[in-house]
Every structure is written in structure tokens, then in C-alpha cells.
PDB file of all heavy atoms in Angstrom:
ATOM      1  N   SER A   1     178.378  26.186  84.011  1.00  0.00           N
ATOM      2  CA  SER A   1     176.970  25.879  83.770  1.00  0.00           C
ATOM      3  C   SER A   1     176.126  27.148  83.741  1.00  0.00           C
ATOM      4  O   SER A   1     176.234  28.004  84.626  1.00  0.00           O
ATOM      5  CB  SER A   1     176.429  24.945  84.857  1.00  0.00           C
ATOM      6  OG  SER A   1     175.024  24.766  84.678  1.00  0.00           O
ATOM      7  N   LEU A   2     175.268  27.234  82.745  1.00  0.00           N
ATOM      8  CA  LEU A   2     174.320  28.332  82.631  1.00  0.00           C
ATOM      9  C   LEU A   2     172.910  27.864  82.970  1.00  0.00           C
ATOM     10  O   LEU A   2     171.945  28.605  82.808  1.00  0.00           O
ATOM     11  CB  LEU A   2     174.350  28.909  81.207  1.00  0.00           C
ATOM     12  CG  LEU A   2     175.708  29.437  80.738  1.00  0.00           C
ATOM     13  CD1 LEU A   2     175.617  29.912  79.294  1.00  0.00           C
ATOM     14  CD2 LEU A   2     176.214  30.544  81.646  1.00  0.00           C
ATOM     15  N   ARG A   3     172.770  26.629  83.470  1.00  0.00           N
ATOM     16  CA  ARG A   3     171.446  26.048  83.711  1.00  0.00           C
ATOM     17  C   ARG A   3     170.829  26.408  85.043  1.00  0.00           C
ATOM     18  O   ARG A   3     169.627  26.224  85.229  1.00  0.00           O
ATOM     19  CB  ARG A   3     171.522  24.528  83.576  1.00  0.00           C
ATOM     20  CG  ARG A   3     171.877  24.119  82.159  1.00  0.00           C
ATOM     21  CD  ARG A   3     171.762  22.649  81.947  1.00  0.00           C
ATOM     22  NE  ARG A   3     172.681  21.909  82.805  1.00  0.00           N
ATOM     23  CZ  ARG A   3     173.141  20.708  82.528  1.00  0.00           C
ATOM     24  NH1 ARG A   3     172.761  20.106  81.425  1.00  0.00           N
ATOM     25  NH2 ARG A   3     173.979  20.101  83.336  1.00  0.00           N
ATOM     26  N   CYS A   4     171.650  26.901  85.994  1.00  0.00           N
ATOM     27  CA  CYS A   4     171.095  27.276  87.298  1.00  0.00           C
ATOM     28  C   CYS A   4     172.037  28.255  87.981  1.00  0.00           C
ATOM     29  O   CYS A   4     173.194  28.376  87.603  1.00  0.00           O
ATOM     30  CB  CYS A   4     170.859  26.055  88.184  1.00  0.00           C
ATOM     31  SG  CYS A   4     172.367  25.190  88.674  1.00  0.00           S
ATOM     32  N   ALA A   5     171.517  28.934  88.986  1.00  0.00           N
ATOM     33  CA  ALA A   5     172.314  29.902  89.745  1.00  0.00           C
ATOM     34  C   ALA A   5     172.977  29.210  90.923  1.00  0.00           C
ATOM     35  O   ALA A   5     172.370  28.381  91.599  1.00  0.00           O
ATOM     36  CB  ALA A   5     171.428  31.036  90.240  1.00  0.00           C
ATOM     37  N   MET A   6     174.212  29.601  91.182  1.00  0.00           N
ATOM     38  CA  MET A   6     174.968  29.045  92.302  1.00  0.00           C
ATOM     39  C   MET A   6     175.073  30.016  93.474  1.00  0.00           C
ATOM     40  O   MET A   6     175.555  29.666  94.539  1.00  0.00           O
ATOM     41  CB  MET A   6     176.365  28.655  91.831  1.00  0.00           C
ATOM     42  CG  MET A   6     176.371  27.610  90.733  1.00  0.00           C
ATOM     43  SD  MET A   6     175.786  26.013  91.305  1.00  0.00           S
ATOM     44  CE  MET A   6     177.208  25.493  92.246  1.00  0.00           C
ATOM     45  N   LEU A   7     174.616  31.258  93.271  1.00  0.00           N
ATOM     46  CA  LEU A   7     174.672  32.287  94.302  1.00  0.00           C
ATOM     47  C   LEU A   7     173.440  33.157  94.168  1.00  0.00           C
ATOM     48  O   LEU A   7     173.127  33.612  93.072  1.00  0.00           O
ATOM     49  CB  LEU A   7     175.933  33.146  94.133  1.00  0.00           C
ATOM     50  CG  LEU A   7     176.120  34.299  95.115  1.00  0.00           C
ATOM     51  CD1 LEU A   7     176.504  33.774  96.490  1.00  0.00           C
ATOM     52  CD2 LEU A   7     177.176  35.268  94.601  1.00  0.00           C
ATOM     53  N   GLY A   8     172.744  33.370  95.298  1.00  0.00           N
ATOM     54  CA  GLY A   8     171.597  34.266  95.336  1.00  0.00           C
ATOM     55  C   GLY A   8     171.775  35.275  96.448  1.00  0.00           C
ATOM     56  O   GLY A   8     172.811  35.318  97.123  1.00  0.00           O
ATOM     57  N   ASP A   9     170.736  36.084  96.652  1.00  0.00           N
ATOM     58  CA  ASP A   9     170.852  37.179  97.616  1.00  0.00           C
ATOM     59  C   ASP A   9     171.068  36.719  99.046  1.00  0.00           C
ATOM     60  O   ASP A   9     171.799  37.367  99.791  1.00  0.00           O
ATOM     61  CB  ASP A   9     169.654  38.123  97.516  1.00  0.00           C
ATOM     62  CG  ASP A   9     168.318  37.461  97.818  1.00  0.00           C
ATOM     63  OD1 ASP A   9     168.210  36.219  97.764  1.00  0.00           O
ATOM     64  OD2 ASP A   9     167.352  38.213  98.079  1.00  0.00           O
ATOM     65  N   LEU A  10     170.484  35.618  99.462  1.00  0.00           N
ATOM     66  CA  LEU A  10     170.643  35.174 100.851  1.00  0.00           C
ATOM     67  C   LEU A  10     172.070  34.715 101.140  1.00  0.00           C
ATOM     68  O   LEU A  10     172.652  35.070 102.169  1.00  0.00           O
ATOM     69  CB  LEU A  10     169.639  34.064 101.179  1.00  0.00           C
ATOM     70  CG  LEU A  10     168.170  34.459 101.066  1.00  0.00           C
ATOM     71  CD1 LEU A  10     167.276  33.264 101.369  1.00  0.00           C
ATOM     72  CD2 LEU A  10     167.844  35.634 101.976  1.00  0.00           C
ATOM     73  N   ILE A  11     172.643  33.950 100.231  1.00  0.00           N
ATOM     74  CA  ILE A  11     174.024  33.493 100.417  1.00  0.00           C
ATOM     75  C   ILE A  11     174.987  34.674 100.282  1.00  0.00           C
ATOM     76  O   ILE A  11     175.963  34.782 101.029  1.00  0.00           O
ATOM     77  CB  ILE A  11     174.365  32.352  99.447  1.00  0.00           C
ATOM     78  CG1 ILE A  11     173.485  31.130  99.742  1.00  0.00           C
ATOM     79  CG2 ILE A  11     175.833  31.977  99.534  1.00  0.00           C
ATOM     80  CD1 ILE A  11     173.637  29.986  98.755  1.00  0.00           C
ATOM     81  N   ALA A  12     174.711  35.593  99.351  1.00  0.00           N
ATOM     82  CA  ALA A  12     175.555  36.785  99.205  1.00  0.00           C
ATOM     83  C   ALA A  12     175.496  37.647 100.466  1.00  0.00           C
ATOM     84  O   ALA A  12     176.526  38.171 100.908  1.00  0.00           O
ATOM     85  CB  ALA A  12     175.124  37.590  97.978  1.00  0.00           C
ATOM     86  N   ALA A  13     174.314  37.784 101.058  1.00  0.00           N
ATOM     87  CA  ALA A  13     174.183  38.551 102.308  1.00  0.00           C
ATOM     88  C   ALA A  13     174.992  37.892 103.421  1.00  0.00           C
ATOM     89  O   ALA A  13     175.618  38.583 104.241  1.00  0.00           O
ATOM     90  CB  ALA A  13     172.719  38.681 102.705  1.00  0.00           C
ATOM     91  N   SER A  14     175.026  36.574 103.446  1.00  0.00           N
ATOM     92  CA  SER A  14     175.846  35.850 104.417  1.00  0.00           C
ATOM     93  C   SER A  14     177.323  36.152 104.200  1.00  0.00           C
ATOM     94  O   SER A  14     178.082  36.346 105.164  1.00  0.00           O
ATOM     95  CB  SER A  14     175.587  34.345 104.291  1.00  0.00           C
ATOM     96  OG  SER A  14     176.462  33.597 105.088  1.00  0.00           O
ATOM     97  N   ALA A  15     177.743  36.229 102.936  1.00  0.00           N
ATOM     98  CA  ALA A  15     179.139  36.562 102.619  1.00  0.00           C
ATOM     99  C   ALA A  15     179.495  37.947 103.141  1.00  0.00           C
ATOM    100  O   ALA A  15     180.561  38.142 103.730  1.00  0.00           O
ATOM    101  CB  ALA A  15     179.374  36.475 101.114  1.00  0.00           C
ATOM    102  N   VAL A  16     178.612  38.906 102.937  1.00  0.00           N
ATOM    103  CA  VAL A  16     178.849  40.270 103.426  1.00  0.00           C
ATOM    104  C   VAL A  16     178.946  40.267 104.948  1.00  0.00           C
ATOM    105  O   VAL A  16     179.880  40.831 105.526  1.00  0.00           O
ATOM    106  CB  VAL A  16     177.729  41.231 102.953  1.00  0.00           C
ATOM    107  CG1 VAL A  16     177.853  42.578 103.639  1.00  0.00           C
ATOM    108  CG2 VAL A  16     177.767  41.387 101.443  1.00  0.00           C
ATOM    109  N   GLU A  17     177.993  39.621 105.581  1.00  0.00           N
ATOM    110  CA  GLU A  17     177.951  39.558 107.050  1.00  0.00           C
ATOM    111  C   GLU A  17     179.209  38.917 107.628  1.00  0.00           C
ATOM    112  O   GLU A  17     179.670  39.298 108.710  1.00  0.00           O
ATOM    113  CB  GLU A  17     176.716  38.758 107.480  1.00  0.00           C
ATOM    114  CG  GLU A  17     176.488  38.686 108.961  1.00  0.00           C
ATOM    115  CD  GLU A  17     175.196  37.947 109.283  1.00  0.00           C
ATOM    116  OE1 GLU A  17     174.158  38.247 108.671  1.00  0.00           O
ATOM    117  OE2 GLU A  17     175.255  37.043 110.145  1.00  0.00           O
ATOM    118  N   ASN A  18     179.785  37.977 106.882  1.00  0.00           N
ATOM    119  CA  ASN A  18     180.957  37.251 107.374  1.00  0.00           C
ATOM    120  C   ASN A  18     182.292  37.806 106.886  1.00  0.00           C
ATOM    121  O   ASN A  18     183.332  37.205 107.116  1.00  0.00           O
ATOM    122  CB  ASN A  18     180.821  35.768 107.019  1.00  0.00           C
ATOM    123  CG  ASN A  18     179.755  35.110 107.847  1.00  0.00           C
ATOM    124  OD1 ASN A  18     179.800  35.152 109.078  1.00  0.00           O
ATOM    125  ND2 ASN A  18     178.762  34.528 107.199  1.00  0.00           N
ATOM    126  N   GLY A  19     182.264  38.949 106.203  1.00  0.00           N
ATOM    127  CA  GLY A  19     183.506  39.634 105.858  1.00  0.00           C
ATOM    128  C   GLY A  19     184.241  39.158 104.627  1.00  0.00           C
ATOM    129  O   GLY A  19     185.450  39.371 104.509  1.00  0.00           O
ATOM    130  N   TRP A  20     183.540  38.547 103.677  1.00  0.00           N
ATOM    131  CA  TRP A  20     184.171  38.151 102.424  1.00  0.00           C
ATOM    132  C   TRP A  20     184.303  39.374 101.524  1.00  0.00           C
ATOM    133  O   TRP A  20     183.422  40.231 101.487  1.00  0.00           O
ATOM    134  CB  TRP A  20     183.350  37.074 101.724  1.00  0.00           C
ATOM    135  CG  TRP A  20     183.450  35.757 102.421  1.00  0.00           C
ATOM    136  CD1 TRP A  20     182.696  35.345 103.491  1.00  0.00           C
ATOM    137  CD2 TRP A  20     184.366  34.709 102.157  1.00  0.00           C
ATOM    138  NE1 TRP A  20     183.095  34.098 103.891  1.00  0.00           N
ATOM    139  CE2 TRP A  20     184.113  33.683 103.095  1.00  0.00           C
ATOM    140  CE3 TRP A  20     185.370  34.528 101.217  1.00  0.00           C
ATOM    141  CZ2 TRP A  20     184.846  32.488 103.105  1.00  0.00           C
ATOM    142  CZ3 TRP A  20     186.087  33.343 101.225  1.00  0.00           C
ATOM    143  CH2 TRP A  20     185.826  32.345 102.163  1.00  0.00           C
ATOM    144  N   ALA A  21     185.393  39.465 100.771  1.00  0.00           N
ATOM    145  CA  ALA A  21     185.593  40.583  99.843  1.00  0.00           C
ATOM    146  C   ALA A  21     184.816  40.375  98.556  1.00  0.00           C
ATOM    147  O   ALA A  21     184.348  41.340  97.949  1.00  0.00           O
ATOM    148  CB  ALA A  21     187.077  40.756  99.522  1.00  0.00           C
ATOM    149  N   GLY A  22     184.695  39.116  98.123  1.00  0.00           N
ATOM    150  CA  GLY A  22     183.994  38.877  96.873  1.00  0.00           C
ATOM    151  C   GLY A  22     183.919  37.420  96.492  1.00  0.00           C
ATOM    152  O   GLY A  22     184.427  36.539  97.193  1.00  0.00           O
ATOM    153  N   VAL A  23     183.246  37.213  95.348  1.00  0.00           N
ATOM    154  CA  VAL A  23     183.048  35.876  94.780  1.00  0.00           C
ATOM    155  C   VAL A  23     183.299  35.969  93.279  1.00  0.00           C
ATOM    156  O   VAL A  23     182.769  36.865  92.612  1.00  0.00           O
ATOM    157  CB  VAL A  23     181.611  35.360  95.026  1.00  0.00           C
ATOM    158  CG1 VAL A  23     181.411  33.993  94.383  1.00  0.00           C
ATOM    159  CG2 VAL A  23     181.285  35.315  96.515  1.00  0.00           C
ATOM    160  N   ILE A  24     184.096  35.052  92.759  1.00  0.00           N
ATOM    161  CA  ILE A  24     184.272  34.891  91.319  1.00  0.00           C
ATOM    162  C   ILE A  24     183.649  33.550  90.984  1.00  0.00           C
ATOM    163  O   ILE A  24     184.064  32.522  91.520  1.00  0.00           O
ATOM    164  CB  ILE A  24     185.756  34.915  90.914  1.00  0.00           C
ATOM    165  CG1 ILE A  24     186.380  36.252  91.301  1.00  0.00           C
ATOM    166  CG2 ILE A  24     185.903  34.642  89.421  1.00  0.00           C
ATOM    167  CD1 ILE A  24     187.891  36.278  91.176  1.00  0.00           C
ATOM    168  N   LEU A  25     182.651  33.577  90.122  1.00  0.00           N
ATOM    169  CA  LEU A  25     181.838  32.388  89.891  1.00  0.00           C
ATOM    170  C   LEU A  25     181.823  32.024  88.411  1.00  0.00           C
ATOM    171  O   LEU A  25     181.294  32.777  87.585  1.00  0.00           O
ATOM    172  CB  LEU A  25     180.417  32.666  90.385  1.00  0.00           C
ATOM    173  CG  LEU A  25     179.379  31.587  90.265  1.00  0.00           C
ATOM    174  CD1 LEU A  25     179.804  30.312  90.974  1.00  0.00           C
ATOM    175  CD2 LEU A  25     178.068  32.069  90.848  1.00  0.00           C
ATOM    176  N   PHE A  26     182.412  30.883  88.081  1.00  0.00           N
ATOM    177  CA  PHE A  26     182.373  30.359  86.723  1.00  0.00           C
ATOM    178  C   PHE A  26     181.046  29.632  86.564  1.00  0.00           C
ATOM    179  O   PHE A  26     180.963  28.412  86.532  1.00  0.00           O
ATOM    180  CB  PHE A  26     183.572  29.440  86.479  1.00  0.00           C
ATOM    181  CG  PHE A  26     183.715  28.960  85.059  1.00  0.00           C
ATOM    182  CD1 PHE A  26     183.663  29.842  83.995  1.00  0.00           C
ATOM    183  CD2 PHE A  26     183.934  27.626  84.791  1.00  0.00           C
ATOM    184  CE1 PHE A  26     183.798  29.396  82.690  1.00  0.00           C
ATOM    185  CE2 PHE A  26     184.084  27.163  83.496  1.00  0.00           C
ATOM    186  CZ  PHE A  26     184.007  28.053  82.438  1.00  0.00           C
ATOM    187  N   GLY A  27     179.993  30.449  86.545  1.00  0.00           N
ATOM    188  CA  GLY A  27     178.616  29.979  86.488  1.00  0.00           C
ATOM    189  C   GLY A  27     177.706  31.187  86.646  1.00  0.00           C
ATOM    190  O   GLY A  27     178.113  32.318  86.381  1.00  0.00           O
ATOM    191  N   CYS A  28     176.482  30.941  87.109  1.00  0.00           N
ATOM    192  CA  CYS A  28     175.459  31.987  87.179  1.00  0.00           C
ATOM    193  C   CYS A  28     175.085  32.367  88.609  1.00  0.00           C
ATOM    194  O   CYS A  28     175.286  31.592  89.549  1.00  0.00           O
ATOM    195  CB  CYS A  28     174.181  31.504  86.489  1.00  0.00           C
ATOM    196  SG  CYS A  28     174.342  31.289  84.727  1.00  0.00           S
ATOM    197  N   ILE A  29     174.504  33.564  88.715  1.00  0.00           N
ATOM    198  CA  ILE A  29     173.898  34.021  89.955  1.00  0.00           C
ATOM    199  C   ILE A  29     172.426  34.315  89.696  1.00  0.00           C
ATOM    200  O   ILE A  29     171.970  34.302  88.549  1.00  0.00           O
ATOM    201  CB  ILE A  29     174.583  35.296  90.507  1.00  0.00           C
ATOM    202  CG1 ILE A  29     174.270  36.509  89.610  1.00  0.00           C
ATOM    203  CG2 ILE A  29     176.077  35.096  90.653  1.00  0.00           C
ATOM    204  CD1 ILE A  29     174.429  37.836  90.304  1.00  0.00           C
ATOM    205  N   ARG A  30     171.686  34.586  90.755  1.00  0.00           N
ATOM    206  CA  ARG A  30     170.328  35.101  90.645  1.00  0.00           C
ATOM    207  C   ARG A  30     170.169  36.211  91.669  1.00  0.00           C
ATOM    208  O   ARG A  30     171.100  36.487  92.421  1.00  0.00           O
ATOM    209  CB  ARG A  30     169.288  34.000  90.816  1.00  0.00           C
ATOM    210  CG  ARG A  30     169.257  33.364  92.178  1.00  0.00           C
ATOM    211  CD  ARG A  30     168.304  32.192  92.165  1.00  0.00           C
ATOM    212  NE  ARG A  30     167.772  31.915  93.501  1.00  0.00           N
ATOM    213  CZ  ARG A  30     166.705  31.193  93.727  1.00  0.00           C
ATOM    214  NH1 ARG A  30     166.047  30.664  92.723  1.00  0.00           N
ATOM    215  NH2 ARG A  30     166.286  30.979  94.944  1.00  0.00           N
ATOM    216  N   ASP A  31     169.026  36.857  91.693  1.00  0.00           N
ATOM    217  CA  ASP A  31     168.804  37.998  92.598  1.00  0.00           C
ATOM    218  C   ASP A  31     169.834  39.091  92.320  1.00  0.00           C
ATOM    219  O   ASP A  31     170.368  39.717  93.233  1.00  0.00           O
ATOM    220  CB  ASP A  31     168.875  37.574  94.071  1.00  0.00           C
ATOM    221  CG  ASP A  31     167.907  36.445  94.408  1.00  0.00           C
ATOM    222  OD1 ASP A  31     166.724  36.554  94.024  1.00  0.00           O
ATOM    223  OD2 ASP A  31     168.332  35.471  95.046  1.00  0.00           O
ATOM    224  N   SER A  32     170.098  39.350  91.048  1.00  0.00           N
ATOM    225  CA  SER A  32     171.174  40.265  90.671  1.00  0.00           C
ATOM    226  C   SER A  32     170.940  41.696  91.142  1.00  0.00           C
ATOM    227  O   SER A  32     171.897  42.384  91.497  1.00  0.00           O
ATOM    228  CB  SER A  32     171.395  40.249  89.158  1.00  0.00           C
ATOM    229  OG  SER A  32     170.232  40.645  88.465  1.00  0.00           O
ATOM    230  N   ARG A  33     169.698  42.132  91.189  1.00  0.00           N
ATOM    231  CA  ARG A  33     169.445  43.504  91.651  1.00  0.00           C
ATOM    232  C   ARG A  33     169.847  43.664  93.110  1.00  0.00           C
ATOM    233  O   ARG A  33     170.524  44.627  93.486  1.00  0.00           O
ATOM    234  CB  ARG A  33     167.975  43.862  91.464  1.00  0.00           C
ATOM    235  CG  ARG A  33     167.663  45.272  91.907  1.00  0.00           C
ATOM    236  CD  ARG A  33     166.240  45.638  91.630  1.00  0.00           C
ATOM    237  NE  ARG A  33     165.982  47.008  92.087  1.00  0.00           N
ATOM    238  CZ  ARG A  33     164.810  47.555  92.099  1.00  0.00           C
ATOM    239  NH1 ARG A  33     163.754  46.885  91.658  1.00  0.00           N
ATOM    240  NH2 ARG A  33     164.653  48.775  92.529  1.00  0.00           N
ATOM    241  N   GLU A  34     169.449  42.719  93.939  1.00  0.00           N
ATOM    242  CA  GLU A  34     169.781  42.774  95.362  1.00  0.00           C
ATOM    243  C   GLU A  34     171.286  42.637  95.587  1.00  0.00           C
ATOM    244  O   GLU A  34     171.869  43.357  96.398  1.00  0.00           O
ATOM    245  CB  GLU A  34     169.020  41.688  96.137  1.00  0.00           C
ATOM    246  CG  GLU A  34     167.532  41.912  96.213  1.00  0.00           C
ATOM    247  CD  GLU A  34     166.755  41.481  94.961  1.00  0.00           C
ATOM    248  OE1 GLU A  34     167.371  40.960  93.993  1.00  0.00           O
ATOM    249  OE2 GLU A  34     165.537  41.683  94.936  1.00  0.00           O
ATOM    250  N   ILE A  35     171.916  41.731  94.867  1.00  0.00           N
ATOM    251  CA  ILE A  35     173.365  41.549  95.003  1.00  0.00           C
ATOM    252  C   ILE A  35     174.100  42.811  94.554  1.00  0.00           C
ATOM    253  O   ILE A  35     175.108  43.195  95.143  1.00  0.00           O
ATOM    254  CB  ILE A  35     173.827  40.295  94.226  1.00  0.00           C
ATOM    255  CG1 ILE A  35     173.314  39.038  94.943  1.00  0.00           C
ATOM    256  CG2 ILE A  35     175.344  40.256  94.083  1.00  0.00           C
ATOM    257  CD1 ILE A  35     173.550  37.738  94.209  1.00  0.00           C
ATOM    258  N   GLY A  36     173.576  43.487  93.561  1.00  0.00           N
ATOM    259  CA  GLY A  36     174.179  44.717  93.073  1.00  0.00           C
ATOM    260  C   GLY A  36     174.153  45.849  94.082  1.00  0.00           C
ATOM    261  O   GLY A  36     174.889  46.823  93.945  1.00  0.00           O
ATOM    262  N   GLU A  37     173.332  45.737  95.106  1.00  0.00           N
ATOM    263  CA  GLU A  37     173.252  46.749  96.157  1.00  0.00           C
ATOM    264  C   GLU A  37     174.095  46.399  97.375  1.00  0.00           C
ATOM    265  O   GLU A  37     174.161  47.162  98.334  1.00  0.00           O
ATOM    266  CB  GLU A  37     171.791  46.947  96.562  1.00  0.00           C
ATOM    267  CG  GLU A  37     170.943  47.502  95.421  1.00  0.00           C
ATOM    268  CD  GLU A  37     169.452  47.531  95.727  1.00  0.00           C
ATOM    269  OE1 GLU A  37     169.039  47.055  96.809  1.00  0.00           O
ATOM    270  OE2 GLU A  37     168.703  48.015  94.869  1.00  0.00           O
ATOM    271  N   MET A  38     174.745  45.248  97.353  1.00  0.00           N
ATOM    272  CA  MET A  38     175.544  44.788  98.498  1.00  0.00           C
ATOM    273  C   MET A  38     177.003  45.202  98.354  1.00  0.00           C
ATOM    274  O   MET A  38     177.532  45.232  97.243  1.00  0.00           O
ATOM    275  CB  MET A  38     175.464  43.267  98.620  1.00  0.00           C
ATOM    276  CG  MET A  38     174.097  42.754  98.943  1.00  0.00           C
ATOM    277  SD  MET A  38     174.128  40.949  99.077  1.00  0.00           S
ATOM    278  CE  MET A  38     172.377  40.619  99.143  1.00  0.00           C
ATOM    279  N   PRO A  39     177.680  45.476  99.483  1.00  0.00           N
ATOM    280  CA  PRO A  39     179.115  45.809  99.434  1.00  0.00           C
ATOM    281  C   PRO A  39     179.968  44.543  99.275  1.00  0.00           C
ATOM    282  O   PRO A  39     180.710  44.145 100.164  1.00  0.00           O
ATOM    283  CB  PRO A  39     179.354  46.499 100.775  1.00  0.00           C
ATOM    284  CG  PRO A  39     178.361  45.859 101.695  1.00  0.00           C
ATOM    285  CD  PRO A  39     177.143  45.573 100.846  1.00  0.00           C
ATOM    286  N   LEU A  40     179.807  43.901  98.124  1.00  0.00           N
ATOM    287  CA  LEU A  40     180.472  42.634  97.833  1.00  0.00           C
ATOM    288  C   LEU A  40     180.840  42.628  96.356  1.00  0.00           C
ATOM    289  O   LEU A  40     180.040  43.014  95.510  1.00  0.00           O
ATOM    290  CB  LEU A  40     179.503  41.470  98.122  1.00  0.00           C
ATOM    291  CG  LEU A  40     180.010  40.058  97.904  1.00  0.00           C
ATOM    292  CD1 LEU A  40     181.062  39.686  98.957  1.00  0.00           C
ATOM    293  CD2 LEU A  40     178.849  39.063  97.962  1.00  0.00           C
ATOM    294  N   GLY A  41     182.049  42.195  96.049  1.00  0.00           N
ATOM    295  CA  GLY A  41     182.428  42.011  94.656  1.00  0.00           C
ATOM    296  C   GLY A  41     181.894  40.688  94.158  1.00  0.00           C
ATOM    297  O   GLY A  41     182.044  39.671  94.833  1.00  0.00           O
ATOM    298  N   VAL A  42     181.238  40.694  93.001  1.00  0.00           N
ATOM    299  CA  VAL A  42     180.736  39.454  92.406  1.00  0.00           C
ATOM    300  C   VAL A  42     180.966  39.507  90.905  1.00  0.00           C
ATOM    301  O   VAL A  42     180.452  40.383  90.219  1.00  0.00           O
ATOM    302  CB  VAL A  42     179.234  39.222  92.690  1.00  0.00           C
ATOM    303  CG1 VAL A  42     178.750  37.948  91.989  1.00  0.00           C
ATOM    304  CG2 VAL A  42     178.967  39.143  94.186  1.00  0.00           C
TER     305      VAL A  42
END
């Protein structure tokens, strides 16, 4: 789906805090600038 984002900066920050290596998403994200500054693969 391209109609909405399934991952934003708050959930991505939670992933970083909890030790996830990354997310592969067959869909969209938002807050791309902030996510691009996080030590997380997306």
C-alpha cells in the first residue's frame, strides 16, 4: 500500500531503543529525515 505510512519516527526510535537491526517494509514510511539519522536499517 502506498496510501499511508506504516512506520514513523516514534516507532523507529522504539526499534532503535529495543535493539532491532532493521525493518523491511512492503509499504511506506513517514518522517524519513528523522529515520535517516537513526542507527537503524530501513
